[in-house]
Amino acid sequence: MSILKKGFISIIAVIMLAGVFVQPEAASAAPKAKASNIVKQGKKYLGVRYLYGGSSPKGFDCSGFTSYTFKKQGVSIPRTASAQFNKGKKVSKKNLKAGDLVFFKTSSANKVSHVGIYIGKNQFIHSAGRGVAITSINDPYYWKSRYVGARRVL
């Protein structure tokens, strides 16, 4: 084997080994960065008006807000709350992390009819009657009794 071929094979081996040792750290750091970026992205739209069927900063409904916010960070999720509820990993309320999708039953017609993004400290950001706002998931007057579950898609 010529010296050139041996050198080339050695370089390839070093690159492959470097990929094996570096990749796990990068992979574990990425979801945390994405979750905080999702929350920051969502907060950019605080105060944007509620618009049934809306999926842009001109106006959002709940799932339009979540799908748009995730898409702006390179994460594709379905458009409707019920479809979003069927994605990702189920998460218990006590194990919620920022960036998780939280779901509520606000009508008698569907099991899931509202979605928001958990931001930490028992709060979520969502689009409802007054537009994009931050609310407690344990609000005793409305949200607490309507909580259905959560999904982690990151």
Protein backbone atom coordinates (compact mmCIF):
# COMPACT_ATOMS: atom_id res chain seq x y z
CA MET A 1 0.00 0.00 0.00
CA SER A 2 1.42 3.37 -0.91
CA ILE A 3 2.14 6.07 1.66
CA LEU A 4 -0.58 8.25 0.12
CA LYS A 5 -3.23 5.52 0.56
CA LYS A 6 -2.13 4.86 4.17
CA GLY A 7 -2.29 8.58 4.95
CA PHE A 8 -5.75 8.86 3.42
CA ILE A 9 -7.04 5.85 5.39
CA SER A 10 -5.57 7.29 8.59
CA ILE A 11 -7.31 10.63 8.05
CA ILE A 12 -10.66 8.90 7.42
CA ALA A 13 -10.22 6.81 10.59
CA VAL A 14 -9.49 9.92 12.69
CA ILE A 15 -12.55 11.73 11.30
CA MET A 16 -14.81 8.75 12.01
CA LEU A 17 -13.49 8.37 15.57
CA ALA A 18 -13.92 12.08 16.21
CA GLY A 19 -17.55 11.81 15.09
CA VAL A 20 -18.19 8.96 17.51
CA PHE A 21 -16.74 10.82 20.51
CA VAL A 22 -18.17 14.27 19.78
CA GLN A 23 -21.67 13.33 18.60
CA PRO A 24 -23.22 12.12 21.90
CA GLU A 25 -22.44 15.41 23.69
CA ALA A 26 -23.83 17.48 20.85
CA ALA A 27 -26.95 15.34 20.68
CA SER A 28 -27.70 15.66 24.39
CA ALA A 29 -27.12 19.44 24.40
CA ALA A 30 -29.35 20.11 21.38
CA PRO A 31 -32.78 19.34 22.93
CA LYS A 32 -32.12 21.67 25.89
CA ALA A 33 -31.10 24.48 23.55
CA LYS A 34 -34.14 23.87 21.38
CA ALA A 35 -36.54 23.92 24.33
CA SER A 36 -35.28 27.28 25.55
CA ASN A 37 -35.38 28.61 21.99
CA ILE A 38 -38.97 27.40 21.58
CA VAL A 39 -39.97 29.30 24.73
CA LYS A 40 -38.13 32.45 23.60
CA GLN A 41 -39.74 32.18 20.17
CA GLY A 42 -43.21 31.82 21.69
CA LYS A 43 -42.71 34.85 23.94
CA LYS A 44 -42.05 36.99 20.85
CA TYR A 45 -45.76 36.69 20.06
CA LEU A 46 -47.17 37.75 23.44
CA GLY A 47 -50.16 39.96 22.78
CA VAL A 48 -50.78 38.77 19.21
CA ARG A 49 -54.55 38.55 18.79
CA TYR A 50 -56.54 35.33 18.79
CA LEU A 51 -57.87 34.39 15.36
CA TYR A 52 -59.79 31.17 14.77
CA GLY A 53 -57.80 29.20 12.19
CA GLY A 54 -54.92 31.67 12.47
CA SER A 55 -51.38 30.39 12.08
CA SER A 56 -49.25 33.52 11.68
CA PRO A 57 -48.30 36.61 13.70
CA LYS A 58 -51.33 38.32 12.13
CA GLY A 59 -53.41 36.12 14.45
CA PHE A 60 -53.17 32.67 16.04
CA ASP A 61 -55.49 30.00 17.30
CA CYS A 62 -53.96 27.66 19.88
CA SER A 63 -52.54 25.00 17.58
CA GLY A 64 -51.62 27.56 14.93
CA PHE A 65 -49.49 29.25 17.59
CA THR A 66 -47.77 26.04 18.71
CA SER A 67 -47.13 24.71 15.20
CA TYR A 68 -45.83 28.11 14.00
CA THR A 69 -43.56 28.56 17.03
CA PHE A 70 -42.04 25.09 16.68
CA LYS A 71 -41.65 25.50 12.90
CA LYS A 72 -39.70 28.75 13.41
CA GLN A 73 -37.19 26.66 15.38
CA GLY A 74 -37.00 23.92 12.74
CA VAL A 75 -39.36 21.44 14.42
CA SER A 76 -42.35 20.22 12.43
CA ILE A 77 -45.50 19.27 14.36
CA PRO A 78 -49.05 18.73 13.09
CA ARG A 79 -51.41 21.68 12.74
CA THR A 80 -54.28 20.68 15.05
CA ALA A 81 -54.33 20.21 18.83
CA SER A 82 -55.71 16.68 18.56
CA ALA A 83 -53.02 15.67 16.04
CA GLN A 84 -50.31 17.26 18.20
CA PHE A 85 -51.62 15.24 21.15
CA ASN A 86 -50.77 12.06 19.21
CA LYS A 87 -47.11 13.05 18.67
CA GLY A 88 -44.11 12.77 20.92
CA LYS A 89 -43.62 11.08 24.27
CA LYS A 90 -46.27 11.19 26.98
CA VAL A 91 -45.10 13.23 29.99
CA SER A 92 -46.64 13.32 33.47
CA LYS A 93 -47.61 16.68 34.89
CA LYS A 94 -44.95 16.41 37.61
CA ASN A 95 -42.23 15.82 34.98
CA LEU A 96 -43.03 18.72 32.65
CA LYS A 97 -40.10 20.57 31.11
CA ALA A 98 -39.99 23.82 29.19
CA GLY A 99 -40.90 23.20 25.57
CA ASP A 100 -43.40 20.41 26.29
CA LEU A 101 -46.83 20.69 24.72
CA VAL A 102 -49.66 20.83 27.28
CA PHE A 103 -53.22 19.87 26.37
CA PHE A 104 -56.66 20.75 27.68
CA LYS A 105 -60.27 19.76 27.09
CA THR A 106 -62.23 22.99 26.67
CA SER A 107 -65.25 21.65 24.80
CA SER A 108 -67.48 18.63 25.12
CA ALA A 109 -66.93 17.64 21.50
CA ASN A 110 -63.27 16.57 21.65
CA LYS A 111 -60.95 14.85 24.10
CA VAL A 112 -58.36 17.55 23.35
CA SER A 113 -59.36 20.99 22.16
CA HIS A 114 -56.60 23.33 23.37
CA VAL A 115 -52.80 23.27 23.38
CA GLY A 116 -50.02 25.46 24.67
CA ILE A 117 -46.28 25.35 25.34
CA TYR A 118 -45.08 24.71 28.88
CA ILE A 119 -42.53 27.38 29.90
CA GLY A 120 -41.72 26.26 33.46
CA LYS A 121 -42.96 27.10 36.97
CA ASN A 122 -46.45 25.69 36.20
CA GLN A 123 -47.00 28.21 33.41
CA PHE A 124 -47.74 27.80 29.74
CA ILE A 125 -47.89 30.15 26.78
CA HIS A 126 -50.86 29.81 24.44
CA SER A 127 -53.31 31.62 22.25
CA ALA A 128 -56.85 31.92 23.57
CA GLY A 129 -59.58 34.58 23.82
CA ARG A 130 -57.29 37.50 24.68
CA GLY A 131 -54.55 36.37 22.31
CA VAL A 132 -51.13 34.97 23.09
CA ALA A 133 -50.63 35.04 26.85
CA ILE A 134 -48.93 33.23 29.72
CA THR A 135 -51.23 31.38 32.13
CA SER A 136 -50.91 28.98 35.05
CA ILE A 137 -51.76 25.36 34.20
CA ASN A 138 -53.14 25.17 37.75
CA ASP A 139 -55.47 28.15 37.44
CA PRO A 140 -58.32 27.00 39.71
CA TYR A 141 -61.01 28.87 37.78
CA TYR A 142 -60.47 27.27 34.39
CA TRP A 143 -57.31 25.45 33.27
CA LYS A 144 -56.57 23.11 36.19
CA SER A 145 -59.76 21.06 35.81
CA ARG A 146 -59.40 20.92 32.02
CA TYR A 147 -55.81 19.64 31.89
CA VAL A 148 -55.59 16.42 29.83
CA GLY A 149 -51.87 15.69 29.50
CA ALA A 150 -48.58 16.62 27.89
CA ARG A 151 -46.26 15.45 25.14
CA ARG A 152 -42.54 15.97 24.65
CA VAL A 153 -41.69 16.40 20.97
CA LEU A 154 -38.12 17.66 21.39
